[in-house]
Amino acid sequence: MYIPRSVLVLLVVIYVLFMLSVDWINQTDGAWYRPFLVGLLIIGVAAWSNRKQDSDEV
């Protein structure tokens, strides 16, 4: 089974960010946009890892 590099990087980043940021996101005195920053970072990493693929790989 072939797993594209972008998917593999996305899964690793999601796992690492989830473990490191659960307490940070759930703080009651934190800013309302914290979960959105994490989501934006995940999307950015996925887009960055997908940019080098040839059009034949997509």
Protein backbone atom coordinates (compact mmCIF):
# COMPACT_ATOMS: atom_id res chain seq x y z
CA MET A 1 0.00 0.00 0.00
CA TYR A 2 1.46 3.34 -1.09
CA ILE A 3 1.02 6.29 1.27
CA PRO A 4 1.81 9.67 -0.31
CA ARG A 5 4.45 11.72 1.45
CA SER A 6 2.04 14.58 2.06
CA VAL A 7 -0.45 12.32 3.87
CA LEU A 8 2.27 10.77 5.99
CA VAL A 9 3.64 14.17 7.00
CA LEU A 10 0.13 15.40 7.76
CA LEU A 11 -0.56 12.43 10.03
CA VAL A 12 2.70 12.88 11.92
CA VAL A 13 2.11 16.61 12.38
CA ILE A 14 -1.45 16.05 13.58
CA TYR A 15 -0.27 13.47 16.10
CA VAL A 16 2.56 15.63 17.44
CA LEU A 17 0.45 18.78 17.61
CA PHE A 18 -2.37 16.95 19.33
CA MET A 19 -0.08 15.62 22.03
CA LEU A 20 1.65 18.93 22.60
CA SER A 21 -1.29 21.28 22.38
CA VAL A 22 -4.27 19.68 24.12
CA ASP A 23 -3.74 21.59 27.36
CA TRP A 24 -2.83 24.80 25.53
CA ILE A 25 -6.01 24.74 23.43
CA ASN A 26 -8.33 23.89 26.32
CA GLN A 27 -7.21 26.65 28.69
CA THR A 28 -10.25 28.66 29.73
CA ASP A 29 -8.36 31.94 29.98
CA GLY A 30 -6.85 31.61 26.49
CA ALA A 31 -7.80 33.36 23.29
CA TRP A 32 -10.80 32.12 21.31
CA TYR A 33 -8.76 31.63 18.13
CA ARG A 34 -6.25 29.10 19.50
CA PRO A 35 -7.91 26.02 17.93
CA PHE A 36 -8.04 27.85 14.60
CA LEU A 37 -4.31 28.57 14.74
CA VAL A 38 -3.59 24.87 15.18
CA GLY A 39 -5.88 24.01 12.26
CA LEU A 40 -4.24 26.65 10.08
CA LEU A 41 -0.82 25.25 10.93
CA ILE A 42 -1.93 21.73 9.97
CA ILE A 43 -3.31 22.98 6.65
CA GLY A 44 -0.11 24.91 6.00
CA VAL A 45 2.11 21.89 6.63
CA ALA A 46 -0.05 19.71 4.38
CA ALA A 47 0.08 22.31 1.59
CA TRP A 48 3.82 22.68 1.96
CA SER A 49 4.44 18.94 1.77
CA ASN A 50 2.15 18.60 -1.25
CA ARG A 51 3.74 21.40 -3.31
CA LYS A 52 6.67 19.35 -4.61
CA GLN A 53 4.62 16.56 -6.16
CA ASP A 54 4.45 16.29 -9.93
CA SER A 55 1.09 16.57 -11.63
CA ASP A 56 1.39 12.88 -12.55
CA GLU A 57 1.44 11.88 -8.87
CA VAL A 58 -1.78 13.63 -7.93
